[in-house]
Amino acid sequence: MNNRDETIREKLLERLATLGVDARNLAVEVEQGMVIARGSVPSEEQRQRAIDGLIGAHELQIAVRAVAASDSKDGRGRSPVTGTSAESAHQSRRQTDPT
């Protein structure tokens, strides 16, 4: 990605934040000025705001997928995909089955 593309990407992400879009699960890519956004946002209202904020993008694939509520004190919560926190998943990978 060249500097111009990176600047465009940063401005688009700032615009999404200003519009109140939770873009944690949204990938915004810019290549030679072409904007591609893929991923999900937590509500239909945010999906519409993202589409409005990314007007002129060449490809938009934005789904609505609820984000799991944070259940930890640090606010990171559990993964909506695996249902485990990053630390828990890391610990699970290190454990071995007793034989």
N, C-alpha and C. Protein backbone atom coordinates (compact mmCIF):
# COMPACT_ATOMS: atom_id res chain seq x y z
N MET A 1 0.85 -1.17 0.00
CA MET A 1 0.00 0.00 0.00
C MET A 1 0.90 1.24 0.00
N ASN A 2 0.63 2.15 -0.91
CA ASN A 2 1.44 3.36 -0.97
C ASN A 2 0.91 4.40 0.03
N ASN A 3 1.62 5.50 0.18
CA ASN A 3 1.24 6.52 1.16
C ASN A 3 -0.14 7.10 0.90
N ARG A 4 -0.46 7.30 -0.36
CA ARG A 4 -1.78 7.86 -0.72
C ARG A 4 -2.88 6.90 -0.30
N ASP A 5 -2.71 5.62 -0.59
CA ASP A 5 -3.71 4.62 -0.20
C ASP A 5 -3.85 4.54 1.32
N GLU A 6 -2.73 4.60 2.03
CA GLU A 6 -2.77 4.55 3.49
C GLU A 6 -3.50 5.76 4.05
N THR A 7 -3.28 6.93 3.46
CA THR A 7 -3.98 8.14 3.90
C THR A 7 -5.48 8.01 3.68
N ILE A 8 -5.87 7.49 2.53
CA ILE A 8 -7.30 7.28 2.24
C ILE A 8 -7.89 6.32 3.26
N ARG A 9 -7.20 5.23 3.52
CA ARG A 9 -7.69 4.22 4.47
C ARG A 9 -7.86 4.83 5.87
N GLU A 10 -6.87 5.58 6.33
CA GLU A 10 -6.95 6.21 7.64
C GLU A 10 -8.12 7.17 7.73
N LYS A 11 -8.35 7.96 6.69
CA LYS A 11 -9.47 8.90 6.69
C LYS A 11 -10.81 8.18 6.69
N LEU A 12 -10.90 7.07 5.98
CA LEU A 12 -12.14 6.29 5.98
C LEU A 12 -12.41 5.69 7.36
N LEU A 13 -11.38 5.17 8.01
CA LEU A 13 -11.55 4.62 9.35
C LEU A 13 -11.94 5.71 10.35
N GLU A 14 -11.36 6.89 10.21
CA GLU A 14 -11.74 8.02 11.06
C GLU A 14 -13.20 8.39 10.82
N ARG A 15 -13.62 8.38 9.57
CA ARG A 15 -15.01 8.71 9.24
C ARG A 15 -15.96 7.69 9.88
N LEU A 16 -15.61 6.41 9.79
CA LEU A 16 -16.45 5.38 10.40
C LEU A 16 -16.55 5.58 11.91
N ALA A 17 -15.44 5.92 12.54
CA ALA A 17 -15.45 6.16 13.99
C ALA A 17 -16.33 7.36 14.32
N THR A 18 -16.23 8.41 13.52
CA THR A 18 -17.05 9.61 13.73
C THR A 18 -18.54 9.28 13.59
N LEU A 19 -18.86 8.36 12.69
CA LEU A 19 -20.25 7.96 12.48
C LEU A 19 -20.74 6.96 13.51
N GLY A 20 -19.86 6.56 14.43
CA GLY A 20 -20.26 5.62 15.47
C GLY A 20 -20.33 4.18 15.02
N VAL A 21 -19.51 3.83 14.02
CA VAL A 21 -19.48 2.45 13.51
C VAL A 21 -18.39 1.68 14.24
N ASP A 22 -18.77 0.54 14.81
CA ASP A 22 -17.82 -0.36 15.45
C ASP A 22 -17.16 -1.17 14.34
N ALA A 23 -15.96 -0.76 13.94
CA ALA A 23 -15.29 -1.35 12.79
C ALA A 23 -14.25 -2.39 13.17
N ARG A 24 -14.33 -2.92 14.41
CA ARG A 24 -13.33 -3.91 14.85
C ARG A 24 -13.29 -5.14 13.96
N ASN A 25 -14.43 -5.53 13.40
CA ASN A 25 -14.49 -6.72 12.56
C ASN A 25 -14.69 -6.35 11.09
N LEU A 26 -14.23 -5.17 10.73
CA LEU A 26 -14.38 -4.68 9.37
C LEU A 26 -12.99 -4.37 8.80
N ALA A 27 -12.64 -5.00 7.70
CA ALA A 27 -11.36 -4.75 7.05
C ALA A 27 -11.58 -3.76 5.91
N VAL A 28 -10.88 -2.65 5.98
CA VAL A 28 -10.95 -1.64 4.92
C VAL A 28 -9.59 -1.63 4.23
N GLU A 29 -9.60 -1.96 2.95
CA GLU A 29 -8.37 -2.02 2.17
C GLU A 29 -8.44 -1.01 1.04
N VAL A 30 -7.31 -0.39 0.75
CA VAL A 30 -7.23 0.55 -0.36
C VAL A 30 -6.03 0.17 -1.18
N GLU A 31 -6.26 -0.06 -2.47
CA GLU A 31 -5.17 -0.39 -3.37
C GLU A 31 -5.34 0.41 -4.66
N GLN A 32 -4.36 1.25 -4.94
CA GLN A 32 -4.39 2.13 -6.10
C GLN A 32 -5.69 2.94 -6.15
N GLY A 33 -6.11 3.42 -4.96
CA GLY A 33 -7.30 4.25 -4.86
C GLY A 33 -8.61 3.50 -4.82
N MET A 34 -8.57 2.19 -5.03
CA MET A 34 -9.80 1.38 -4.98
C MET A 34 -10.05 0.93 -3.55
N VAL A 35 -11.27 1.17 -3.06
CA VAL A 35 -11.62 0.85 -1.67
C VAL A 35 -12.44 -0.43 -1.64
N ILE A 36 -12.02 -1.34 -0.76
CA ILE A 36 -12.74 -2.59 -0.54
C ILE A 36 -12.95 -2.73 0.95
N ALA A 37 -14.20 -2.95 1.36
CA ALA A 37 -14.52 -3.14 2.78
C ALA A 37 -15.24 -4.47 2.92
N ARG A 38 -14.73 -5.30 3.82
CA ARG A 38 -15.33 -6.61 4.08
C ARG A 38 -15.37 -6.85 5.57
N GLY A 39 -16.40 -7.54 6.01
CA GLY A 39 -16.48 -7.90 7.43
C GLY A 39 -17.87 -7.72 7.97
N SER A 40 -17.94 -7.42 9.26
CA SER A 40 -19.24 -7.30 9.90
C SER A 40 -19.25 -6.17 10.91
N VAL A 41 -20.46 -5.70 11.18
CA VAL A 41 -20.72 -4.70 12.21
C VAL A 41 -21.85 -5.24 13.08
N PRO A 42 -22.02 -4.69 14.30
CA PRO A 42 -22.96 -5.29 15.24
C PRO A 42 -24.45 -5.06 14.99
N SER A 43 -24.82 -4.13 14.14
CA SER A 43 -26.26 -3.87 13.94
C SER A 43 -26.54 -3.39 12.52
N GLU A 44 -27.79 -3.49 12.14
CA GLU A 44 -28.20 -3.02 10.81
C GLU A 44 -28.02 -1.50 10.70
N GLU A 45 -28.28 -0.80 11.80
CA GLU A 45 -28.10 0.65 11.80
C GLU A 45 -26.63 1.01 11.53
N GLN A 46 -25.70 0.30 12.17
CA GLN A 46 -24.28 0.56 11.92
C GLN A 46 -23.88 0.13 10.52
N ARG A 47 -24.49 -0.91 10.00
CA ARG A 47 -24.21 -1.34 8.63
C ARG A 47 -24.57 -0.22 7.66
N GLN A 48 -25.73 0.39 7.85
CA GLN A 48 -26.16 1.46 6.97
C GLN A 48 -25.25 2.68 7.10
N ARG A 49 -24.83 2.99 8.34
CA ARG A 49 -23.91 4.12 8.54
C ARG A 49 -22.56 3.84 7.86
N ALA A 50 -22.11 2.58 7.93
CA ALA A 50 -20.84 2.22 7.28
C ALA A 50 -20.96 2.37 5.77
N ILE A 51 -22.05 1.91 5.21
CA ILE A 51 -22.26 2.03 3.77
C ILE A 51 -22.28 3.50 3.36
N ASP A 52 -22.99 4.32 4.14
CA ASP A 52 -23.04 5.76 3.85
C ASP A 52 -21.65 6.39 3.99
N GLY A 53 -20.89 5.96 4.99
CA GLY A 53 -19.56 6.52 5.22
C GLY A 53 -18.53 6.09 4.19
N LEU A 54 -18.78 4.94 3.57
CA LEU A 54 -17.84 4.42 2.57
C LEU A 54 -18.37 4.61 1.15
N ILE A 55 -19.23 5.57 0.97
CA ILE A 55 -19.81 5.82 -0.35
C ILE A 55 -18.70 6.02 -1.37
N GLY A 56 -18.84 5.42 -2.50
CA GLY A 56 -17.81 5.49 -3.53
C GLY A 56 -16.86 4.32 -3.50
N ALA A 57 -17.00 3.45 -2.49
CA ALA A 57 -16.13 2.27 -2.41
C ALA A 57 -16.44 1.36 -3.59
N HIS A 58 -15.45 0.62 -4.03
CA HIS A 58 -15.61 -0.25 -5.18
C HIS A 58 -16.26 -1.58 -4.82
N GLU A 59 -16.07 -2.00 -3.59
CA GLU A 59 -16.66 -3.27 -3.17
C GLU A 59 -16.99 -3.20 -1.69
N LEU A 60 -18.25 -3.49 -1.35
CA LEU A 60 -18.68 -3.51 0.04
C LEU A 60 -19.32 -4.86 0.34
N GLN A 61 -18.78 -5.55 1.30
CA GLN A 61 -19.35 -6.81 1.77
C GLN A 61 -19.43 -6.71 3.28
N ILE A 62 -20.52 -6.09 3.77
CA ILE A 62 -20.66 -5.84 5.20
C ILE A 62 -21.88 -6.57 5.71
N ALA A 63 -21.66 -7.48 6.62
CA ALA A 63 -22.73 -8.26 7.23
C ALA A 63 -23.02 -7.71 8.63
N VAL A 64 -24.16 -8.12 9.17
CA VAL A 64 -24.50 -7.77 10.55
C VAL A 64 -24.27 -9.01 11.39
N ARG A 65 -23.42 -8.87 12.40
CA ARG A 65 -23.15 -9.97 13.32
C ARG A 65 -23.00 -9.37 14.71
N ALA A 66 -23.86 -9.77 15.60
CA ALA A 66 -23.82 -9.23 16.96
C ALA A 66 -22.47 -9.52 17.59
N VAL A 67 -21.98 -8.57 18.34
CA VAL A 67 -20.71 -8.73 19.04
C VAL A 67 -21.03 -9.20 20.44
N ALA A 68 -20.33 -10.22 20.89
CA ALA A 68 -20.54 -10.73 22.24
C ALA A 68 -20.23 -9.65 23.26
N ALA A 69 -21.06 -9.61 24.30
CA ALA A 69 -20.84 -8.63 25.36
C ALA A 69 -19.55 -8.93 26.08
N SER A 70 -18.93 -7.90 26.56
CA SER A 70 -17.69 -8.07 27.30
C SER A 70 -18.00 -8.71 28.64
N ASP A 71 -17.29 -9.76 28.97
CA ASP A 71 -17.53 -10.43 30.25
C ASP A 71 -16.27 -10.45 31.10
N SER A 72 -15.34 -9.57 30.78
CA SER A 72 -14.11 -9.52 31.56
C SER A 72 -13.88 -8.09 32.04
N LYS A 73 -13.13 -7.96 33.10
CA LYS A 73 -12.88 -6.65 33.69
C LYS A 73 -12.09 -5.74 32.77
N ASP A 74 -11.25 -6.33 31.90
CA ASP A 74 -10.43 -5.50 31.02
C ASP A 74 -11.17 -5.07 29.76
N GLY A 75 -12.42 -5.53 29.58
CA GLY A 75 -13.24 -5.11 28.45
C GLY A 75 -12.98 -5.86 27.16
N ARG A 76 -12.06 -6.83 27.18
CA ARG A 76 -11.75 -7.54 25.94
C ARG A 76 -12.79 -8.61 25.63
N GLY A 77 -13.35 -9.22 26.64
CA GLY A 77 -14.43 -10.18 26.43
C GLY A 77 -14.00 -11.44 25.73
N ARG A 78 -14.97 -12.16 25.27
CA ARG A 78 -14.74 -13.44 24.60
C ARG A 78 -14.88 -13.28 23.10
N SER A 79 -14.21 -14.13 22.37
CA SER A 79 -14.27 -14.11 20.93
C SER A 79 -15.65 -14.56 20.46
N PRO A 80 -16.31 -13.81 19.55
CA PRO A 80 -17.61 -14.25 19.03
C PRO A 80 -17.47 -15.50 18.17
N VAL A 81 -16.26 -15.80 17.73
CA VAL A 81 -16.05 -16.97 16.88
C VAL A 81 -15.79 -18.21 17.71
N THR A 82 -14.85 -18.12 18.65
CA THR A 82 -14.47 -19.31 19.41
C THR A 82 -15.11 -19.39 20.78
N GLY A 83 -15.62 -18.25 21.29
CA GLY A 83 -16.23 -18.24 22.61
C GLY A 83 -15.21 -18.21 23.74
N THR A 84 -13.94 -18.00 23.40
CA THR A 84 -12.90 -17.95 24.43
C THR A 84 -12.14 -16.65 24.32
N SER A 85 -11.56 -16.26 25.43
CA SER A 85 -10.72 -15.07 25.40
C SER A 85 -9.37 -15.44 24.79
N ALA A 86 -8.59 -14.45 24.44
CA ALA A 86 -7.27 -14.71 23.85
C ALA A 86 -6.38 -15.47 24.81
N GLU A 87 -6.42 -15.07 26.12
CA GLU A 87 -5.58 -15.77 27.10
C GLU A 87 -6.02 -17.22 27.26
N SER A 88 -7.33 -17.43 27.30
CA SER A 88 -7.85 -18.78 27.47
C SER A 88 -7.46 -19.67 26.29
N ALA A 89 -7.58 -19.13 25.09
CA ALA A 89 -7.21 -19.91 23.91
C ALA A 89 -5.73 -20.23 23.94
N HIS A 90 -4.91 -19.25 24.36
CA HIS A 90 -3.46 -19.47 24.44
C HIS A 90 -3.16 -20.56 25.47
N GLN A 91 -3.80 -20.50 26.63
CA GLN A 91 -3.59 -21.50 27.66
C GLN A 91 -4.04 -22.87 27.19
N SER A 92 -5.17 -22.92 26.48
CA SER A 92 -5.67 -24.20 25.99
C SER A 92 -4.71 -24.85 25.03
N ARG A 93 -4.07 -24.06 24.20
CA ARG A 93 -3.12 -24.62 23.23
C ARG A 93 -1.89 -25.19 23.93
N ARG A 94 -1.55 -24.65 25.09
CA ARG A 94 -0.36 -25.09 25.82
C ARG A 94 -0.63 -26.35 26.66
N GLN A 95 -1.89 -26.63 26.94
CA GLN A 95 -2.21 -27.79 27.77
C GLN A 95 -2.11 -29.06 26.94
N THR A 96 -1.75 -30.11 27.62
CA THR A 96 -1.72 -31.41 26.96
C THR A 96 -2.71 -32.32 27.65
N ASP A 97 -3.25 -33.25 26.91
CA ASP A 97 -4.19 -34.20 27.50
C ASP A 97 -3.46 -35.15 28.41
N PRO A 98 -4.02 -35.38 29.60
CA PRO A 98 -3.37 -36.35 30.48
C PRO A 98 -3.54 -37.76 29.90
N THR A 99 -2.50 -38.52 29.94
CA THR A 99 -2.58 -39.90 29.40
C THR A 99 -2.20 -40.91 30.44
